[in-house]
Every structure is written in C-alpha cells, then in structure tokens.
PDB file of N, CA and C in Angstrom:
ATOM      1  N   MET A   1     -55.044  79.074 -51.415  1.00  0.00           N
ATOM      2  CA  MET A   1     -55.077  78.337 -52.663  1.00  0.00           C
ATOM      3  C   MET A   1     -53.680  78.298 -53.258  1.00  0.00           C
ATOM      4  N   VAL A   2     -53.365  77.164 -53.833  1.00  0.00           N
ATOM      5  CA  VAL A   2     -52.091  76.995 -54.512  1.00  0.00           C
ATOM      6  C   VAL A   2     -52.389  76.574 -55.939  1.00  0.00           C
ATOM      7  N   GLU A   3     -51.838  77.314 -56.877  1.00  0.00           N
ATOM      8  CA  GLU A   3     -52.074  76.992 -58.278  1.00  0.00           C
ATOM      9  C   GLU A   3     -51.133  75.874 -58.706  1.00  0.00           C
ATOM     10  N   MET A   4     -51.711  74.818 -59.316  1.00  0.00           N
ATOM     11  CA  MET A   4     -50.917  73.707 -59.830  1.00  0.00           C
ATOM     12  C   MET A   4     -51.758  72.914 -60.806  1.00  0.00           C
ATOM     13  N   GLY A   5     -51.090  72.078 -61.576  1.00  0.00           N
ATOM     14  CA  GLY A   5     -51.779  71.242 -62.548  1.00  0.00           C
ATOM     15  C   GLY A   5     -52.507  70.099 -61.868  1.00  0.00           C
ATOM     16  N   CYS A   6     -53.412  69.484 -62.598  1.00  0.00           N
ATOM     17  CA  CYS A   6     -54.221  68.380 -62.062  1.00  0.00           C
ATOM     18  C   CYS A   6     -53.362  67.201 -61.631  1.00  0.00           C
ATOM     19  N   GLN A   7     -52.385  66.822 -62.456  1.00  0.00           N
ATOM     20  CA  GLN A   7     -51.548  65.672 -62.113  1.00  0.00           C
ATOM     21  C   GLN A   7     -50.732  65.939 -60.855  1.00  0.00           C
ATOM     22  N   GLU A   8     -50.198  67.140 -60.733  1.00  0.00           N
ATOM     23  CA  GLU A   8     -49.424  67.489 -59.539  1.00  0.00           C
ATOM     24  C   GLU A   8     -50.316  67.463 -58.302  1.00  0.00           C
ATOM     25  N   HIS A   9     -51.513  68.020 -58.420  1.00  0.00           N
ATOM     26  CA  HIS A   9     -52.474  68.006 -57.316  1.00  0.00           C
ATOM     27  C   HIS A   9     -52.780  66.582 -56.890  1.00  0.00           C
ATOM     28  N   ASP A  10     -53.079  65.721 -57.876  1.00  0.00           N
ATOM     29  CA  ASP A  10     -53.438  64.338 -57.569  1.00  0.00           C
ATOM     30  C   ASP A  10     -52.293  63.601 -56.888  1.00  0.00           C
ATOM     31  N   LYS A  11     -51.066  63.870 -57.309  1.00  0.00           N
ATOM     32  CA  LYS A  11     -49.903  63.228 -56.694  1.00  0.00           C
ATOM     33  C   LYS A  11     -49.787  63.633 -55.228  1.00  0.00           C
ATOM     34  N   PHE A  12     -49.873  64.934 -54.944  1.00  0.00           N
ATOM     35  CA  PHE A  12     -49.783  65.401 -53.556  1.00  0.00           C
ATOM     36  C   PHE A  12     -50.945  64.886 -52.714  1.00  0.00           C
ATOM     37  N   ALA A  13     -52.154  64.985 -53.250  1.00  0.00           N
ATOM     38  CA  ALA A  13     -53.341  64.570 -52.495  1.00  0.00           C
ATOM     39  C   ALA A  13     -53.316  63.071 -52.213  1.00  0.00           C
ATOM     40  N   ALA A  14     -52.974  62.285 -53.214  1.00  0.00           N
ATOM     41  CA  ALA A  14     -52.951  60.830 -53.024  1.00  0.00           C
ATOM     42  C   ALA A  14     -51.929  60.450 -51.965  1.00  0.00           C
ATOM     43  N   GLY A  15     -50.764  61.058 -51.998  1.00  0.00           N
ATOM     44  CA  GLY A  15     -49.723  60.743 -51.025  1.00  0.00           C
ATOM     45  C   GLY A  15     -50.108  61.136 -49.620  1.00  0.00           C
ATOM     46  N   SER A  16     -50.564  62.358 -49.455  1.00  0.00           N
ATOM     47  CA  SER A  16     -50.882  62.819 -48.097  1.00  0.00           C
ATOM     48  C   SER A  16     -52.112  62.105 -47.543  1.00  0.00           C
ATOM     49  N   MET A  17     -53.106  61.864 -48.372  1.00  0.00           N
ATOM     50  CA  MET A  17     -54.308  61.184 -47.893  1.00  0.00           C
ATOM     51  C   MET A  17     -54.009  59.736 -47.532  1.00  0.00           C
ATOM     52  N   PHE A  18     -53.242  59.048 -48.384  1.00  0.00           N
ATOM     53  CA  PHE A  18     -52.957  57.638 -48.104  1.00  0.00           C
ATOM     54  C   PHE A  18     -52.147  57.495 -46.824  1.00  0.00           C
ATOM     55  N   MET A  19     -51.125  58.316 -46.641  1.00  0.00           N
ATOM     56  CA  MET A  19     -50.295  58.203 -45.435  1.00  0.00           C
ATOM     57  C   MET A  19     -51.112  58.563 -44.193  1.00  0.00           C
ATOM     58  N   THR A  20     -51.927  59.594 -44.278  1.00  0.00           N
ATOM     59  CA  THR A  20     -52.761  59.992 -43.145  1.00  0.00           C
ATOM     60  C   THR A  20     -53.725  58.870 -42.770  1.00  0.00           C
ATOM     61  N   HIS A  21     -54.367  58.276 -43.765  1.00  0.00           N
ATOM     62  CA  HIS A  21     -55.296  57.183 -43.496  1.00  0.00           C
ATOM     63  C   HIS A  21     -54.565  55.961 -42.946  1.00  0.00           C
ATOM     64  N   THR A  22     -53.373  55.685 -43.453  1.00  0.00           N
ATOM     65  CA  THR A  22     -52.603  54.535 -42.982  1.00  0.00           C
ATOM     66  C   THR A  22     -52.228  54.705 -41.512  1.00  0.00           C
ATOM     67  N   VAL A  23     -51.691  55.854 -41.160  1.00  0.00           N
ATOM     68  CA  VAL A  23     -51.284  56.100 -39.774  1.00  0.00           C
ATOM     69  C   VAL A  23     -52.502  56.072 -38.850  1.00  0.00           C
ATOM     70  N   GLY A  24     -53.593  56.671 -39.266  1.00  0.00           N
ATOM     71  CA  GLY A  24     -54.810  56.660 -38.456  1.00  0.00           C
ATOM     72  C   GLY A  24     -55.321  55.251 -38.213  1.00  0.00           C
ATOM     73  N   ARG A  25     -55.289  54.421 -39.238  1.00  0.00           N
ATOM     74  CA  ARG A  25     -55.763  53.039 -39.094  1.00  0.00           C
ATOM     75  C   ARG A  25     -54.816  52.205 -38.242  1.00  0.00           C
ATOM     76  N   VAL A  26     -53.511  52.442 -38.370  1.00  0.00           N
ATOM     77  CA  VAL A  26     -52.545  51.733 -37.520  1.00  0.00           C
ATOM     78  C   VAL A  26     -52.791  52.086 -36.054  1.00  0.00           C
ATOM     79  N   LEU A  27     -52.964  53.367 -35.762  1.00  0.00           N
ATOM     80  CA  LEU A  27     -53.216  53.790 -34.380  1.00  0.00           C
ATOM     81  C   LEU A  27     -54.510  53.191 -33.854  1.00  0.00           C
ATOM     82  N   ASP A  28     -55.523  53.114 -34.703  1.00  0.00           N
ATOM     83  CA  ASP A  28     -56.786  52.508 -34.289  1.00  0.00           C
ATOM     84  C   ASP A  28     -56.597  51.027 -33.982  1.00  0.00           C
ATOM     85  N   MET A  29     -55.845  50.322 -34.825  1.00  0.00           N
ATOM     86  CA  MET A  29     -55.602  48.896 -34.610  1.00  0.00           C
ATOM     87  C   MET A  29     -54.777  48.652 -33.341  1.00  0.00           C
ATOM     88  N   LEU A  30     -53.953  49.633 -32.970  1.00  0.00           N
ATOM     89  CA  LEU A  30     -53.185  49.528 -31.728  1.00  0.00           C
ATOM     90  C   LEU A  30     -54.045  49.782 -30.499  1.00  0.00           C
ATOM     91  N   GLY A  31     -55.240  50.286 -30.708  1.00  0.00           N
ATOM     92  CA  GLY A  31     -56.147  50.538 -29.586  1.00  0.00           C
ATOM     93  C   GLY A  31     -55.819  51.815 -28.830  1.00  0.00           C
ATOM     94  N   LEU A  32     -55.329  52.827 -29.538  1.00  0.00           N
ATOM     95  CA  LEU A  32     -55.008  54.104 -28.904  1.00  0.00           C
ATOM     96  C   LEU A  32     -56.251  54.654 -28.210  1.00  0.00           C
ATOM     97  N   VAL A  33     -56.130  54.996 -26.938  1.00  0.00           N
ATOM     98  CA  VAL A  33     -57.273  55.487 -26.167  1.00  0.00           C
ATOM     99  C   VAL A  33     -56.901  56.761 -25.414  1.00  0.00           C
ATOM    100  N   SER A  34     -57.923  57.469 -25.024  1.00  0.00           N
ATOM    101  CA  SER A  34     -57.745  58.673 -24.222  1.00  0.00           C
ATOM    102  C   SER A  34     -57.349  58.271 -22.797  1.00  0.00           C
ATOM    103  N   THR A  35     -56.562  59.138 -22.165  1.00  0.00           N
ATOM    104  CA  THR A  35     -56.149  58.903 -20.782  1.00  0.00           C
ATOM    105  C   THR A  35     -56.461  60.157 -19.963  1.00  0.00           C
ATOM    106  N   PRO A  36     -56.408  60.058 -18.656  1.00  0.00           N
ATOM    107  CA  PRO A  36     -56.645  61.254 -17.829  1.00  0.00           C
ATOM    108  C   PRO A  36     -55.531  62.304 -17.965  1.00  0.00           C
ATOM    109  N   ILE A  37     -54.400  61.920 -18.550  1.00  0.00           N
ATOM    110  CA  ILE A  37     -53.276  62.862 -18.659  1.00  0.00           C
ATOM    111  C   ILE A  37     -52.820  63.048 -20.113  1.00  0.00           C
ATOM    112  N   ASN A  38     -53.774  63.092 -21.038  1.00  0.00           N
ATOM    113  CA  ASN A  38     -53.438  63.279 -22.452  1.00  0.00           C
ATOM    114  C   ASN A  38     -52.592  64.526 -22.667  1.00  0.00           C
ATOM    115  N   THR A  39     -51.583  64.389 -23.523  1.00  0.00           N
ATOM    116  CA  THR A  39     -50.836  65.560 -23.985  1.00  0.00           C
ATOM    117  C   THR A  39     -51.531  66.094 -25.230  1.00  0.00           C
ATOM    118  N   LYS A  40     -51.129  67.264 -25.676  1.00  0.00           N
ATOM    119  CA  LYS A  40     -51.694  67.818 -26.918  1.00  0.00           C
ATOM    120  C   LYS A  40     -51.383  66.893 -28.086  1.00  0.00           C
ATOM    121  N   GLY A  41     -50.172  66.321 -28.093  1.00  0.00           N
ATOM    122  CA  GLY A  41     -49.797  65.393 -29.153  1.00  0.00           C
ATOM    123  C   GLY A  41     -50.682  64.157 -29.167  1.00  0.00           C
ATOM    124  N   HIS A  42     -50.965  63.616 -27.984  1.00  0.00           N
ATOM    125  CA  HIS A  42     -51.830  62.440 -27.881  1.00  0.00           C
ATOM    126  C   HIS A  42     -53.244  62.782 -28.342  1.00  0.00           C
ATOM    127  N   GLU A  43     -53.724  63.950 -27.965  1.00  0.00           N
ATOM    128  CA  GLU A  43     -55.057  64.401 -28.420  1.00  0.00           C
ATOM    129  C   GLU A  43     -55.099  64.496 -29.947  1.00  0.00           C
ATOM    130  N   THR A  44     -54.011  64.973 -30.538  1.00  0.00           N
ATOM    131  CA  THR A  44     -53.934  65.076 -31.995  1.00  0.00           C
ATOM    132  C   THR A  44     -54.046  63.688 -32.628  1.00  0.00           C
ATOM    133  N   LEU A  45     -53.355  62.715 -32.056  1.00  0.00           N
ATOM    134  CA  LEU A  45     -53.431  61.348 -32.581  1.00  0.00           C
ATOM    135  C   LEU A  45     -54.836  60.770 -32.414  1.00  0.00           C
ATOM    136  N   LEU A  46     -55.457  61.008 -31.274  1.00  0.00           N
ATOM    137  CA  LEU A  46     -56.831  60.542 -31.061  1.00  0.00           C
ATOM    138  C   LEU A  46     -57.788  61.174 -32.065  1.00  0.00           C
ATOM    139  N   ASN A  47     -57.596  62.456 -32.340  1.00  0.00           N
ATOM    140  CA  ASN A  47     -58.436  63.140 -33.335  1.00  0.00           C
ATOM    141  C   ASN A  47     -58.222  62.544 -34.725  1.00  0.00           C
ATOM    142  N   LEU A  48     -56.982  62.186 -35.026  1.00  0.00           N
ATOM    143  CA  LEU A  48     -56.696  61.550 -36.316  1.00  0.00           C
ATOM    144  C   LEU A  48     -57.440  60.226 -36.424  1.00  0.00           C
ATOM    145  N   VAL A  49     -57.371  59.410 -35.383  1.00  0.00           N
ATOM    146  CA  VAL A  49     -58.065  58.117 -35.390  1.00  0.00           C
ATOM    147  C   VAL A  49     -59.564  58.332 -35.588  1.00  0.00           C
ATOM    148  N   GLU A  50     -60.123  59.256 -34.841  1.00  0.00           N
ATOM    149  CA  GLU A  50     -61.568  59.519 -34.944  1.00  0.00           C
ATOM    150  C   GLU A  50     -61.943  59.986 -36.348  1.00  0.00           C
ATOM    151  N   ASN A  51     -61.140  60.870 -36.905  1.00  0.00           N
ATOM    152  CA  ASN A  51     -61.405  61.415 -38.240  1.00  0.00           C
ATOM    153  C   ASN A  51     -61.298  60.333 -39.306  1.00  0.00           C
ATOM    154  N   ILE A  52     -60.244  59.554 -39.259  1.00  0.00           N
ATOM    155  CA  ILE A  52     -59.982  58.563 -40.303  1.00  0.00           C
ATOM    156  C   ILE A  52     -60.922  57.372 -40.202  1.00  0.00           C
ATOM    157  N   CYS A  53     -61.151  56.889 -39.020  1.00  0.00           N
ATOM    158  CA  CYS A  53     -61.948  55.671 -38.865  1.00  0.00           C
ATOM    159  C   CYS A  53     -63.436  55.923 -39.057  1.00  0.00           C
ATOM    160  N   GLY A  54     -63.819  57.178 -39.201  1.00  0.00           N
ATOM    161  CA  GLY A  54     -65.190  57.485 -39.587  1.00  0.00           C
ATOM    162  C   GLY A  54     -65.414  57.220 -41.068  1.00  0.00           C
ATOM    163  N   ASP A  55     -64.306  57.132 -41.825  1.00  0.00           N
ATOM    164  CA  ASP A  55     -64.396  56.823 -43.258  1.00  0.00           C
ATOM    165  C   ASP A  55     -64.394  55.312 -43.444  1.00  0.00           C
ATOM    166  N   SER A  56     -64.964  54.875 -44.528  1.00  0.00           N
ATOM    167  CA  SER A  56     -65.053  53.437 -44.784  1.00  0.00           C
ATOM    168  C   SER A  56     -63.696  52.860 -45.172  1.00  0.00           C
ATOM    169  N   PHE A  57     -63.544  51.566 -44.949  1.00  0.00           N
ATOM    170  CA  PHE A  57     -62.336  50.879 -45.387  1.00  0.00           C
ATOM    171  C   PHE A  57     -62.272  50.888 -46.911  1.00  0.00           C
ATOM    172  N   ASP A  58     -63.426  50.897 -47.568  1.00  0.00           N
ATOM    173  CA  ASP A  58     -63.448  50.952 -49.038  1.00  0.00           C
ATOM    174  C   ASP A  58     -62.763  52.215 -49.545  1.00  0.00           C
ATOM    175  N   LEU A  59     -62.964  53.335 -48.859  1.00  0.00           N
ATOM    176  CA  LEU A  59     -62.282  54.570 -49.253  1.00  0.00           C
ATOM    177  C   LEU A  59     -60.781  54.387 -49.119  1.00  0.00           C
ATOM    178  N   TYR A  60     -60.345  53.845 -47.986  1.00  0.00           N
ATOM    179  CA  TYR A  60     -58.916  53.611 -47.758  1.00  0.00           C
ATOM    180  C   TYR A  60     -58.360  52.662 -48.823  1.00  0.00           C
ATOM    181  N   TYR A  61     -59.093  51.602 -49.103  1.00  0.00           N
ATOM    182  CA  TYR A  61     -58.641  50.644 -50.110  1.00  0.00           C
ATOM    183  C   TYR A  61     -58.526  51.317 -51.484  1.00  0.00           C
ATOM    184  N   GLY A  62     -59.451  52.199 -51.779  1.00  0.00           N
ATOM    185  CA  GLY A  62     -59.377  52.952 -53.041  1.00  0.00           C
ATOM    186  C   GLY A  62     -58.151  53.838 -53.095  1.00  0.00           C
ATOM    187  N   LEU A  63     -57.811  54.462 -51.960  1.00  0.00           N
ATOM    188  CA  LEU A  63     -56.598  55.280 -51.904  1.00  0.00           C
ATOM    189  C   LEU A  63     -55.359  54.430 -52.169  1.00  0.00           C
ATOM    190  N   PHE A  64     -55.400  53.183 -51.735  1.00  0.00           N
ATOM    191  CA  PHE A  64     -54.289  52.266 -51.985  1.00  0.00           C
ATOM    192  C   PHE A  64     -54.294  51.785 -53.434  1.00  0.00           C
ATOM    193  N   LEU A  65     -55.436  51.318 -53.877  1.00  0.00           N
ATOM    194  CA  LEU A  65     -55.546  50.678 -55.188  1.00  0.00           C
ATOM    195  C   LEU A  65     -55.240  51.638 -56.334  1.00  0.00           C
ATOM    196  N   TYR A  66     -55.694  52.880 -56.223  1.00  0.00           N
ATOM    197  CA  TYR A  66     -55.565  53.823 -57.331  1.00  0.00           C
ATOM    198  C   TYR A  66     -54.438  54.835 -57.146  1.00  0.00           C
ATOM    199  N   ASN A  67     -53.575  54.604 -56.189  1.00  0.00           N
ATOM    200  CA  ASN A  67     -52.442  55.486 -55.933  1.00  0.00           C
ATOM    201  C   ASN A  67     -51.181  54.761 -56.382  1.00  0.00           C
ATOM    202  N   LYS A  68     -50.543  55.273 -57.410  1.00  0.00           N
ATOM    203  CA  LYS A  68     -49.365  54.608 -57.974  1.00  0.00           C
ATOM    204  C   LYS A  68     -48.230  54.461 -56.968  1.00  0.00           C
ATOM    205  N   SER A  69     -48.152  55.336 -55.986  1.00  0.00           N
ATOM    206  CA  SER A  69     -47.038  55.284 -55.043  1.00  0.00           C
ATOM    207  C   SER A  69     -47.410  54.641 -53.705  1.00  0.00           C
ATOM    208  N   ALA A  70     -48.629  54.135 -53.568  1.00  0.00           N
ATOM    209  CA  ALA A  70     -49.081  53.591 -52.283  1.00  0.00           C
ATOM    210  C   ALA A  70     -48.252  52.389 -51.833  1.00  0.00           C
ATOM    211  N   LEU A  71     -47.968  51.472 -52.729  1.00  0.00           N
ATOM    212  CA  LEU A  71     -47.196  50.294 -52.355  1.00  0.00           C
ATOM    213  C   LEU A  71     -45.806  50.711 -51.878  1.00  0.00           C
ATOM    214  N   GLU A  72     -45.183  51.635 -52.575  1.00  0.00           N
ATOM    215  CA  GLU A  72     -43.872  52.137 -52.154  1.00  0.00           C
ATOM    216  C   GLU A  72     -43.967  52.808 -50.785  1.00  0.00           C
ATOM    217  N   MET A  73     -45.046  53.539 -50.541  1.00  0.00           N
ATOM    218  CA  MET A  73     -45.219  54.203 -49.255  1.00  0.00           C
ATOM    219  C   MET A  73     -45.344  53.183 -48.121  1.00  0.00           C
ATOM    220  N   VAL A  74     -46.072  52.111 -48.352  1.00  0.00           N
ATOM    221  CA  VAL A  74     -46.215  51.058 -47.330  1.00  0.00           C
ATOM    222  C   VAL A  74     -44.857  50.413 -47.065  1.00  0.00           C
ATOM    223  N   GLU A  75     -44.113  50.141 -48.123  1.00  0.00           N
ATOM    224  CA  GLU A  75     -42.790  49.539 -47.965  1.00  0.00           C
ATOM    225  C   GLU A  75     -41.840  50.481 -47.223  1.00  0.00           C
ATOM    226  N   ARG A  76     -41.878  51.775 -47.554  1.00  0.00           N
ATOM    227  CA  ARG A  76     -41.027  52.755 -46.868  1.00  0.00           C
ATOM    228  C   ARG A  76     -41.409  52.868 -45.396  1.00  0.00           C
ATOM    229  N   LEU A  77     -42.697  52.829 -45.103  1.00  0.00           N
ATOM    230  CA  LEU A  77     -43.158  52.883 -43.716  1.00  0.00           C
ATOM    231  C   LEU A  77     -42.641  51.666 -42.945  1.00  0.00           C
ATOM    232  N   ASP A  78     -42.704  50.507 -43.562  1.00  0.00           N
ATOM    233  CA  ASP A  78     -42.219  49.282 -42.941  1.00  0.00           C
ATOM    234  C   ASP A  78     -40.706  49.359 -42.697  1.00  0.00           C
ATOM    235  N   LEU A  79     -39.935  49.802 -43.678  1.00  0.00           N
ATOM    236  CA  LEU A  79     -38.484  49.937 -43.528  1.00  0.00           C
ATOM    237  C   LEU A  79     -38.132  50.975 -42.466  1.00  0.00           C
ATOM    238  N   THR A  80     -38.886  52.049 -42.429  1.00  0.00           N
ATOM    239  CA  THR A  80     -38.637  53.100 -41.445  1.00  0.00           C
ATOM    240  C   THR A  80     -38.920  52.599 -40.040  1.00  0.00           C
ATOM    241  N   PHE A  81     -39.989  51.839 -39.872  1.00  0.00           N
ATOM    242  CA  PHE A  81     -40.289  51.277 -38.558  1.00  0.00           C
ATOM    243  C   PHE A  81     -39.188  50.308 -38.126  1.00  0.00           C
ATOM    244  N   ASP A  82     -38.719  49.485 -39.050  1.00  0.00           N
ATOM    245  CA  ASP A  82     -37.613  48.570 -38.735  1.00  0.00           C
ATOM    246  C   ASP A  82     -36.368  49.337 -38.300  1.00  0.00           C
ATOM    247  N   ALA A  83     -36.036  50.413 -39.006  1.00  0.00           N
ATOM    248  CA  ALA A  83     -34.862  51.216 -38.666  1.00  0.00           C
ATOM    249  C   ALA A  83     -35.018  51.846 -37.285  1.00  0.00           C
ATOM    250  N   LEU A  84     -36.202  52.346 -36.985  1.00  0.00           N
ATOM    251  CA  LEU A  84     -36.461  52.948 -35.680  1.00  0.00           C
ATOM    252  C   LEU A  84     -36.355  51.910 -34.571  1.00  0.00           C
ATOM    253  N   ARG A  85     -36.949  50.747 -34.793  1.00  0.00           N
ATOM    254  CA  ARG A  85     -36.874  49.655 -33.809  1.00  0.00           C
ATOM    255  C   ARG A  85     -35.420  49.242 -33.585  1.00  0.00           C
ATOM    256  N   ASN A  86     -34.645  49.116 -34.653  1.00  0.00           N
ATOM    257  CA  ASN A  86     -33.236  48.745 -34.527  1.00  0.00           C
ATOM    258  C   ASN A  86     -32.454  49.787 -33.739  1.00  0.00           C
ATOM    259  N   GLU A  87     -32.753  51.052 -33.951  1.00  0.00           N
ATOM    260  CA  GLU A  87     -32.081  52.114 -33.197  1.00  0.00           C
ATOM    261  C   GLU A  87     -32.428  52.020 -31.707  1.00  0.00           C
ATOM    262  N   LEU A  88     -33.711  51.816 -31.405  1.00  0.00           N
ATOM    263  CA  LEU A  88     -34.129  51.676 -29.998  1.00  0.00           C
ATOM    264  C   LEU A  88     -33.470  50.464 -29.343  1.00  0.00           C
ATOM    265  N   PHE A  89     -33.556  49.322 -30.000  1.00  0.00           N
ATOM    266  CA  PHE A  89     -32.994  48.107 -29.425  1.00  0.00           C
ATOM    267  C   PHE A  89     -31.479  48.189 -29.342  1.00  0.00           C
ATOM    268  N   GLY A  90     -30.856  48.849 -30.294  1.00  0.00           N
ATOM    269  CA  GLY A  90     -29.416  49.037 -30.258  1.00  0.00           C
ATOM    270  C   GLY A  90     -28.984  49.806 -29.027  1.00  0.00           C
ATOM    271  N   ARG A  91     -29.738  50.799 -28.655  1.00  0.00           N
ATOM    272  CA  ARG A  91     -29.418  51.561 -27.450  1.00  0.00           C
ATOM    273  C   ARG A  91     -29.639  50.742 -26.187  1.00  0.00           C
ATOM    274  N   LEU A  92     -30.606  49.831 -26.204  1.00  0.00           N
ATOM    275  CA  LEU A  92     -30.811  48.948 -25.049  1.00  0.00           C
ATOM    276  C   LEU A  92     -29.560  48.117 -24.807  1.00  0.00           C
ATOM    277  N   HIS A  93     -28.964  47.635 -25.874  1.00  0.00           N
ATOM    278  CA  HIS A  93     -27.745  46.836 -25.738  1.00  0.00           C
ATOM    279  C   HIS A  93     -26.596  47.680 -25.192  1.00  0.00           C
ATOM    280  N   GLN A  94     -26.544  48.942 -25.585  1.00  0.00           N
ATOM    281  CA  GLN A  94     -25.501  49.833 -25.078  1.00  0.00           C
ATOM    282  C   GLN A  94     -25.680  50.064 -23.573  1.00  0.00           C
ATOM    283  N   VAL A  95     -26.909  50.271 -23.153  1.00  0.00           N
ATOM    284  CA  VAL A  95     -27.200  50.491 -21.731  1.00  0.00           C
ATOM    285  C   VAL A  95     -26.849  49.232 -20.949  1.00  0.00           C
ATOM    286  N   GLY A  96     -27.209  48.069 -21.446  1.00  0.00           N
ATOM    287  CA  GLY A  96     -26.905  46.812 -20.787  1.00  0.00           C
ATOM    288  C   GLY A  96     -25.409  46.598 -20.633  1.00  0.00           C
ATOM    289  N   SER A  97     -24.613  46.970 -21.633  1.00  0.00           N
ATOM    290  CA  SER A  97     -23.158  46.804 -21.561  1.00  0.00           C
ATOM    291  C   SER A  97     -22.560  47.719 -20.513  1.00  0.00           C
ATOM    292  N   ARG A  98     -23.084  48.939 -20.417  1.00  0.00           N
ATOM    293  CA  ARG A  98     -22.553  49.887 -19.419  1.00  0.00           C
ATOM    294  C   ARG A  98     -22.863  49.426 -18.003  1.00  0.00           C
ATOM    295  N   GLU A  99     -24.025  48.820 -17.790  1.00  0.00           N
ATOM    296  CA  GLU A  99     -24.412  48.377 -16.454  1.00  0.00           C
ATOM    297  C   GLU A  99     -23.569  47.192 -15.996  1.00  0.00           C
ATOM    298  N   GLU A 100     -23.072  46.389 -16.961  1.00  0.00           N
ATOM    299  CA  GLU A 100     -22.282  45.212 -16.612  1.00  0.00           C
ATOM    300  C   GLU A 100     -20.856  45.581 -16.201  1.00  0.00           C
ATOM    301  N   THR A 101     -20.347  46.746 -16.623  1.00  0.00           N
ATOM    302  CA  THR A 101     -18.963  47.125 -16.304  1.00  0.00           C
ATOM    303  C   THR A 101     -18.858  47.859 -14.996  1.00  0.00           C
TER     304      THR A 101
END
C-alpha cells in the first residue's frame, strides 16, 4: 500500500490504465498471435492483449474521455512512434550508403 491523496491516486491510475489499455488494443489490432517459439516478452504482450481486450471498448473510451491527460498521452505516443520509425529508417540509409562504397 502507498499512502497518497485521492487526486494523486487518480492521476497515476488514469495514466497507467489508459496507456496499458492503449498498448493492449494496438497490439490486438496488429493481430499479435502466439507462435511455437514465443519468448517471455512475447508471452507478456499476449497476456496484455488477452487481459485488456476482455474489457469493453466503453471502459477504454471512458478512460480516454474522463482522463485529462489522455489526449496528450495519445499525441506523445504518436510522436514517439514517429521518432522511433525515423531512427530505424535513418539507419537503413546508413547501411545502404556503406554497401554502395
């Protein structure tokens, strides 16, 4: 147990629940499936999908609608994905340049 005020609790809970539900739903939409060679990490992601997608979309929508920081979290997730993609693609260009020389 951690002692804290109601507002502090709600801020932490809303943030962690919304992000967890968002990631679980994204993985579900990607069609993440079990394989014959699952790693522990992959099993963890599959468990997240199973746990989250058992909840209704209405619950997820409520986490978005009534969470003051949800929109910012979605925007940060989008910017972070763009940055990660740019880093990956940037390295592809570096590899391509080295192969040409």
